[in-house]
Amino acid sequence: MTKLIVNVETGEENVRELTKAEKDQEKIDAANFKVKFEAEKAEAEAKAIAKAELLNRLGLTADELQTILG
């Protein structure tokens, strides 16, 4: 895996191989991103289910609720 380094003042571009530490950090960052993404996805799904259950208890559709709320 490589890393692009750009000097914005001169426009000079350099490409170099990642160090072992950088590769390890990439793996950690990817794993952390996956955990965060899955947690956010689960939270969104739980909210959608709760909303659907509430609408069902009220006997309303989402469109009807939008009409009521204006």
C-alpha atoms as a PDB file:
ATOM      1  CA  MET A   1       0.000   0.000   0.000  1.00  0.00           C
ATOM      2  CA  THR A   2       1.279   3.457  -0.852  1.00  0.00           C
ATOM      3  CA  LYS A   3       0.770   6.980   0.421  1.00  0.00           C
ATOM      4  CA  LEU A   4       0.584  10.110  -1.722  1.00  0.00           C
ATOM      5  CA  ILE A   5       2.221  13.156  -0.164  1.00  0.00           C
ATOM      6  CA  VAL A   6       1.512  16.515  -1.814  1.00  0.00           C
ATOM      7  CA  ASN A   7       3.319  19.747  -0.962  1.00  0.00           C
ATOM      8  CA  VAL A   8       0.565  22.314  -1.535  1.00  0.00           C
ATOM      9  CA  GLU A   9       3.039  25.181  -1.753  1.00  0.00           C
ATOM     10  CA  THR A  10       5.170  23.691  -4.520  1.00  0.00           C
ATOM     11  CA  GLY A  11       2.737  21.173  -6.007  1.00  0.00           C
ATOM     12  CA  GLU A  12       5.394  18.485  -5.638  1.00  0.00           C
ATOM     13  CA  GLU A  13       3.967  14.977  -5.278  1.00  0.00           C
ATOM     14  CA  ASN A  14       5.733  12.019  -3.694  1.00  0.00           C
ATOM     15  CA  VAL A  15       4.505   8.443  -3.431  1.00  0.00           C
ATOM     16  CA  ARG A  16       5.979   6.106  -0.852  1.00  0.00           C
ATOM     17  CA  GLU A  17       5.194   2.776   0.752  1.00  0.00           C
ATOM     18  CA  LEU A  18       3.392   2.825   4.076  1.00  0.00           C
ATOM     19  CA  THR A  19       5.400   1.826   7.113  1.00  0.00           C
ATOM     20  CA  LYS A  20       4.342  -1.164   9.203  1.00  0.00           C
ATOM     21  CA  ALA A  21       2.975   1.217  11.846  1.00  0.00           C
ATOM     22  CA  GLU A  22       0.905   3.054   9.217  1.00  0.00           C
ATOM     23  CA  LYS A  23      -0.433  -0.233   7.819  1.00  0.00           C
ATOM     24  CA  ASP A  24      -1.340  -1.370  11.333  1.00  0.00           C
ATOM     25  CA  GLN A  25      -3.101   1.955  11.976  1.00  0.00           C
ATOM     26  CA  GLU A  26      -5.033   1.573   8.700  1.00  0.00           C
ATOM     27  CA  LYS A  27      -6.323  -1.805   9.928  1.00  0.00           C
ATOM     28  CA  ILE A  28      -7.297  -0.338  13.310  1.00  0.00           C
ATOM     29  CA  ASP A  29      -9.040   2.623  11.656  1.00  0.00           C
ATOM     30  CA  ALA A  30     -10.946   0.311   9.295  1.00  0.00           C
ATOM     31  CA  ALA A  31     -12.089  -1.875  12.195  1.00  0.00           C
ATOM     32  CA  ASN A  32     -13.166   1.166  14.227  1.00  0.00           C
ATOM     33  CA  PHE A  33     -15.065   2.545  11.240  1.00  0.00           C
ATOM     34  CA  LYS A  34     -16.858  -0.772  10.772  1.00  0.00           C
ATOM     35  CA  VAL A  35     -17.877  -0.898  14.449  1.00  0.00           C
ATOM     36  CA  LYS A  36     -19.128   2.696  14.344  1.00  0.00           C
ATOM     37  CA  PHE A  37     -20.992   2.113  11.067  1.00  0.00           C
ATOM     38  CA  GLU A  38     -22.695  -1.026  12.404  1.00  0.00           C
ATOM     39  CA  ALA A  39     -23.700   0.770  15.625  1.00  0.00           C
ATOM     40  CA  GLU A  40     -25.180   3.699  13.701  1.00  0.00           C
ATOM     41  CA  LYS A  41     -27.001   1.297  11.384  1.00  0.00           C
ATOM     42  CA  ALA A  42     -28.454  -0.629  14.336  1.00  0.00           C
ATOM     43  CA  GLU A  43     -29.541   2.621  15.997  1.00  0.00           C
ATOM     44  CA  ALA A  44     -31.266   3.816  12.823  1.00  0.00           C
ATOM     45  CA  GLU A  45     -33.031   0.480  12.436  1.00  0.00           C
ATOM     46  CA  ALA A  46     -34.185   0.568  16.064  1.00  0.00           C
ATOM     47  CA  LYS A  47     -35.568   4.086  15.605  1.00  0.00           C
ATOM     48  CA  ALA A  48     -37.390   3.042  12.424  1.00  0.00           C
ATOM     49  CA  ILE A  49     -38.923   0.049  14.184  1.00  0.00           C
ATOM     50  CA  ALA A  50     -39.986   2.185  17.161  1.00  0.00           C
ATOM     51  CA  LYS A  51     -41.558   4.737  14.822  1.00  0.00           C
ATOM     52  CA  ALA A  52     -43.417   2.027  12.901  1.00  0.00           C
ATOM     53  CA  GLU A  53     -44.677   0.485  16.147  1.00  0.00           C
ATOM     54  CA  LEU A  54     -45.873   3.859  17.419  1.00  0.00           C
ATOM     55  CA  LEU A  55     -47.685   4.622  14.174  1.00  0.00           C
ATOM     56  CA  ASN A  56     -49.264   1.171  14.286  1.00  0.00           C
ATOM     57  CA  ARG A  57     -50.498   1.720  17.868  1.00  0.00           C
ATOM     58  CA  LEU A  58     -51.938   5.077  16.832  1.00  0.00           C
ATOM     59  CA  GLY A  59     -53.533   3.527  13.760  1.00  0.00           C
ATOM     60  CA  LEU A  60     -51.819   5.999  11.431  1.00  0.00           C
ATOM     61  CA  THR A  61     -49.692   5.728   8.341  1.00  0.00           C
ATOM     62  CA  ALA A  62     -46.575   7.824   7.905  1.00  0.00           C
ATOM     63  CA  ASP A  63     -48.408   9.931   5.301  1.00  0.00           C
ATOM     64  CA  GLU A  64     -51.302  10.540   7.681  1.00  0.00           C
ATOM     65  CA  LEU A  65     -48.893  11.641  10.410  1.00  0.00           C
ATOM     66  CA  GLN A  66     -47.181  14.041   7.982  1.00  0.00           C
ATOM     67  CA  THR A  67     -50.599  15.515   7.117  1.00  0.00           C
ATOM     68  CA  ILE A  68     -51.410  16.003  10.780  1.00  0.00           C
ATOM     69  CA  LEU A  69     -48.058  17.603  11.524  1.00  0.00           C
ATOM     70  CA  GLY A  70     -48.413  19.848   8.491  1.00  0.00           C
END
